Amino acid sequence: MLKYLPWVLLMALSTAIVYAWGLSKKQNQSRDLMAVLYDKCSAKVIKALKKNGPMTKDQIENLLDHTTASLFYSRNKVSVQDPEKFTQTLLQMMEEHHLIKQGTGEQSGKYLLYHTKR
């Protein structure tokens, strides 16, 4: 009987570790979903700016409308419901990270890539 005790304890310990890991993932899921959504939309904006050149905020809002993101280990998804509010936050974040900048002069009111090659 005592020879089975270490195996039972090992199984209980592994079950507790897997349970704690799953609980931690569940608690951080909404934050992780938003991070994935912001990363996905940021990449989408950069790709569009490279392809189309300077874009207005309205054009970017239309680009991001109904964009969805999910985590590979979850069925839950998050999508852009209010593109105006989301775009404003995204553009501020991208400006802070020096990915895009607002145009000046002729391009006033438009956003362009921070390091454009001419």
Protein backbone atom coordinates (compact mmCIF):
# COMPACT_ATOMS: atom_id res chain seq x y z
CA MET A 1 0.00 0.00 0.00
CA LEU A 2 2.82 2.44 0.81
CA LYS A 3 4.38 1.88 -2.60
CA TYR A 4 1.38 3.60 -4.23
CA LEU A 5 1.45 6.64 -1.95
CA PRO A 6 4.15 8.57 -3.92
CA TRP A 7 2.22 8.03 -7.17
CA VAL A 8 -1.01 9.28 -5.63
CA LEU A 9 0.74 12.34 -4.21
CA LEU A 10 2.44 13.01 -7.56
CA MET A 11 -0.90 12.79 -9.36
CA ALA A 12 -2.53 15.16 -6.83
CA LEU A 13 0.34 17.63 -7.20
CA SER A 14 0.22 17.57 -11.00
CA THR A 15 -3.57 18.07 -10.94
CA ALA A 16 -3.18 21.06 -8.61
CA ILE A 17 -0.54 22.61 -10.89
CA VAL A 18 -2.69 22.20 -14.01
CA TYR A 19 -5.72 23.62 -12.17
CA ALA A 20 -3.74 26.66 -10.96
CA TRP A 21 -2.36 27.28 -14.47
CA GLY A 22 -5.88 27.13 -15.97
CA LEU A 23 -7.24 29.46 -13.31
CA SER A 24 -4.46 31.96 -13.98
CA LYS A 25 -5.13 31.83 -17.74
CA LYS A 26 -8.83 32.42 -17.16
CA GLN A 27 -8.19 35.46 -14.96
CA ASN A 28 -5.87 37.08 -17.52
CA GLN A 29 -7.96 36.17 -20.56
CA SER A 30 -9.69 39.53 -21.13
CA ARG A 31 -6.40 41.43 -20.86
CA ASP A 32 -4.71 38.98 -23.25
CA LEU A 33 -7.60 39.24 -25.72
CA MET A 34 -7.35 43.04 -25.79
CA ALA A 35 -3.59 42.87 -26.27
CA VAL A 36 -4.04 40.51 -29.23
CA LEU A 37 -6.70 42.81 -30.70
CA TYR A 38 -4.48 45.90 -30.37
CA ASP A 39 -1.53 44.04 -31.93
CA LYS A 40 -3.66 42.77 -34.79
CA CYS A 41 -5.17 46.18 -35.52
CA SER A 42 -1.78 47.88 -35.24
CA ALA A 43 -0.34 45.51 -37.83
CA LYS A 44 -3.38 46.09 -40.04
CA VAL A 45 -2.92 49.88 -39.90
CA ILE A 46 0.82 49.67 -40.64
CA LYS A 47 0.17 47.37 -43.61
CA ALA A 48 -2.51 49.73 -44.98
CA LEU A 49 -0.26 52.79 -44.54
CA LYS A 50 2.57 51.04 -46.39
CA LYS A 51 0.23 50.09 -49.21
CA ASN A 52 -1.96 53.23 -49.49
CA GLY A 53 0.17 56.00 -48.02
CA PRO A 54 -1.23 58.59 -45.59
CA MET A 55 -4.74 57.88 -44.29
CA THR A 56 -7.31 59.90 -42.36
CA LYS A 57 -8.77 58.78 -39.04
CA ASP A 58 -12.08 57.97 -40.76
CA GLN A 59 -10.32 55.70 -43.25
CA ILE A 60 -8.57 53.90 -40.42
CA GLU A 61 -11.87 53.53 -38.53
CA ASN A 62 -13.43 51.88 -41.59
CA LEU A 63 -10.41 49.59 -41.88
CA LEU A 64 -10.68 48.41 -38.27
CA ASP A 65 -14.47 48.12 -38.03
CA HIS A 66 -15.54 44.60 -36.89
CA THR A 67 -11.96 43.30 -36.63
CA THR A 68 -11.89 40.27 -34.32
CA ALA A 69 -9.19 38.53 -32.31
CA SER A 70 -9.06 35.33 -30.29
CA LEU A 71 -6.63 33.25 -28.30
CA PHE A 72 -5.65 29.84 -29.64
CA TYR A 73 -6.60 28.08 -26.40
CA SER A 74 -10.02 29.70 -26.01
CA ARG A 75 -13.31 29.94 -27.90
CA ASN A 76 -13.83 33.51 -26.68
CA LYS A 77 -13.39 36.31 -29.17
CA VAL A 78 -13.22 40.07 -28.95
CA SER A 79 -14.09 42.48 -31.74
CA VAL A 80 -14.11 46.21 -32.39
CA GLN A 81 -17.63 47.40 -31.52
CA ASP A 82 -17.04 51.16 -31.35
CA PRO A 83 -14.45 51.89 -34.06
CA GLU A 84 -14.29 55.62 -33.29
CA LYS A 85 -13.28 55.16 -29.66
CA PHE A 86 -11.03 52.16 -30.36
CA THR A 87 -9.24 53.92 -33.22
CA GLN A 88 -8.55 56.98 -31.09
CA THR A 89 -6.94 54.83 -28.39
CA LEU A 90 -5.02 52.75 -30.93
CA LEU A 91 -3.66 55.78 -32.77
CA GLN A 92 -2.51 57.40 -29.52
CA MET A 93 -0.77 54.18 -28.52
CA MET A 94 0.90 53.85 -31.94
CA GLU A 95 2.09 57.48 -31.77
CA GLU A 96 3.57 56.90 -28.31
CA HIS A 97 5.49 53.90 -29.66
CA HIS A 98 6.70 55.96 -32.66
CA LEU A 99 5.02 53.72 -35.22
CA ILE A 100 2.96 56.48 -36.86
CA LYS A 101 2.75 60.24 -36.76
CA GLN A 102 0.27 62.90 -37.73
CA GLY A 103 0.98 64.68 -40.96
CA THR A 104 1.76 68.38 -41.19
CA GLY A 105 1.19 70.90 -43.94
CA GLU A 106 -0.51 69.30 -46.93
CA GLN A 107 -0.99 66.07 -45.02
CA SER A 108 -2.59 67.69 -41.99
CA GLY A 109 -5.29 65.47 -40.51
CA LYS A 110 -3.72 62.32 -41.94
CA TYR A 111 -1.59 59.65 -40.32
CA LEU A 112 1.58 58.27 -41.86
CA LEU A 113 4.32 55.87 -40.92
CA TYR A 114 6.93 57.32 -38.61
CA HIS A 115 9.90 56.30 -40.73
CA THR A 116 8.85 56.88 -44.29
CA LYS A 117 11.43 56.49 -47.00
CA ARG A 118 11.19 58.96 -49.84
